[in-house]
Amino acid sequence: MIKENDLIEAIAECQGERNPNANTCIKLAAYYTILREMRPEAERMPEQEYSYDEPPINEYESGSDFGQAIKGKDLHEVMAVIDEIMETLKVFNPRLYDAAMRKLATL
């Protein structure tokens, strides 16, 4: 018979792993489920309600003309315009295009 202390030790061991993998997560979920089901209903912690963070605001803060022009705009639409500009730059100024691509690669 599995004892509560054994489960708590197994949970602590999984949580203490330096490089957890998918199997560790599966074991941890199983241990928590078994532990929850072992306890009488009255002792169980109330189910927590999950809250989700608001999606990140895609605001680019800059005092430049470009920054002001894209302020509050949809990021995907702005990137479509930037993509067109980059393709044009590739044709007309390959050195500047390559420099911009190198800079993006280091982000």
Protein backbone atom coordinates (compact mmCIF):
# COMPACT_ATOMS: atom_id res chain seq x y z
CA MET A 1 0.00 0.00 0.00
CA ILE A 2 1.33 3.43 -0.94
CA LYS A 3 1.69 5.77 2.01
CA GLU A 4 1.28 9.52 1.94
CA ASN A 5 4.84 10.11 3.16
CA ASP A 6 6.20 7.99 0.29
CA LEU A 7 4.31 10.13 -2.20
CA ILE A 8 5.49 13.36 -0.61
CA GLU A 9 9.10 12.11 -0.80
CA ALA A 10 8.65 11.09 -4.44
CA ILE A 11 7.18 14.50 -5.26
CA ALA A 12 10.11 16.25 -3.56
CA GLU A 13 12.54 14.06 -5.50
CA CYS A 14 10.90 14.93 -8.83
CA GLN A 15 10.79 18.62 -8.00
CA GLY A 16 14.46 18.55 -7.04
CA GLU A 17 15.65 17.07 -10.32
CA ARG A 18 18.23 19.28 -11.97
CA ASN A 19 17.15 18.54 -15.56
CA PRO A 20 13.53 17.36 -15.52
CA ASN A 21 12.16 15.71 -18.63
CA ALA A 22 8.72 14.63 -19.82
CA ASN A 23 8.83 11.42 -17.76
CA THR A 24 9.53 13.46 -14.63
CA CYS A 25 6.50 15.63 -15.31
CA ILE A 26 4.31 12.58 -15.92
CA LYS A 27 5.45 10.98 -12.66
CA LEU A 28 4.92 14.23 -10.76
CA ALA A 29 1.38 14.58 -12.10
CA ALA A 30 0.62 10.97 -11.19
CA TYR A 31 2.00 11.39 -7.67
CA TYR A 32 -0.08 14.51 -7.09
CA THR A 33 -3.21 12.81 -8.41
CA ILE A 34 -2.74 9.77 -6.19
CA LEU A 35 -2.02 11.99 -3.18
CA ARG A 36 -5.16 14.04 -3.83
CA GLU A 37 -7.31 10.94 -4.18
CA MET A 38 -5.92 9.39 -0.99
CA ARG A 39 -7.11 12.27 1.16
CA PRO A 40 -10.71 12.46 2.30
CA GLU A 41 -12.83 15.09 0.57
CA ALA A 42 -12.85 17.32 3.67
CA GLU A 43 -9.04 17.48 3.80
CA ARG A 44 -8.53 18.29 0.15
CA MET A 45 -7.50 21.74 -0.78
CA PRO A 46 -10.16 23.61 -2.71
CA GLU A 47 -9.67 23.59 -6.44
CA GLN A 48 -7.75 26.63 -7.46
CA GLU A 49 -9.12 28.89 -10.09
CA TYR A 50 -6.57 29.63 -12.72
CA SER A 51 -6.00 33.10 -13.97
CA TYR A 52 -4.37 33.79 -17.25
CA ASP A 53 -2.20 36.78 -17.87
CA GLU A 54 -3.32 39.24 -20.43
CA PRO A 55 -1.58 38.71 -23.74
CA PRO A 56 1.49 40.88 -24.08
CA ILE A 57 0.88 44.25 -25.61
CA ASN A 58 2.80 44.62 -28.82
CA GLU A 59 3.78 48.19 -28.19
CA TYR A 60 7.01 49.50 -29.54
CA GLU A 61 8.01 52.59 -27.60
CA SER A 62 10.16 54.99 -29.54
CA GLY A 63 10.24 58.67 -30.25
CA SER A 64 11.06 58.06 -33.91
CA ASP A 65 8.68 58.67 -36.79
CA PHE A 66 8.57 54.92 -37.35
CA GLY A 67 7.78 54.24 -33.70
CA GLN A 68 4.96 56.75 -33.76
CA ALA A 69 3.59 55.39 -37.04
CA ILE A 70 3.28 51.83 -35.74
CA LYS A 71 2.10 52.69 -32.23
CA GLY A 72 -1.05 50.70 -31.47
CA LYS A 73 -0.98 48.86 -34.81
CA ASP A 74 -1.34 45.10 -35.21
CA LEU A 75 2.12 43.51 -35.09
CA HIS A 76 1.37 41.08 -37.95
CA GLU A 77 0.30 43.89 -40.26
CA VAL A 78 3.37 45.96 -39.36
CA MET A 79 5.64 42.97 -40.01
CA ALA A 80 4.06 42.42 -43.42
CA VAL A 81 5.04 45.98 -44.37
CA ILE A 82 8.56 45.49 -42.94
CA ASP A 83 8.88 42.24 -44.91
CA GLU A 84 8.10 44.08 -48.15
CA ILE A 85 10.63 46.77 -47.27
CA MET A 86 13.30 44.17 -46.52
CA GLU A 87 12.72 42.43 -49.86
CA THR A 88 13.13 45.78 -51.64
CA LEU A 89 16.25 46.55 -49.60
CA LYS A 90 17.68 43.15 -50.57
CA VAL A 91 17.52 44.14 -54.23
CA PHE A 92 18.59 47.78 -54.02
CA ASN A 93 21.11 47.68 -51.17
CA PRO A 94 22.31 44.13 -50.43
CA ARG A 95 25.03 45.31 -48.01
CA LEU A 96 22.51 47.15 -45.83
CA TYR A 97 20.13 44.18 -46.06
CA ASP A 98 22.90 41.78 -44.93
CA ALA A 99 23.84 44.08 -42.04
CA ALA A 100 20.19 44.23 -40.89
CA MET A 101 19.86 40.44 -41.13
CA ARG A 102 23.05 39.95 -39.09
CA LYS A 103 21.71 42.29 -36.44
CA LEU A 104 18.37 40.41 -36.35
CA ALA A 105 20.21 37.09 -36.06
CA THR A 106 21.93 38.29 -32.88
CA LEU A 107 18.67 39.17 -31.12
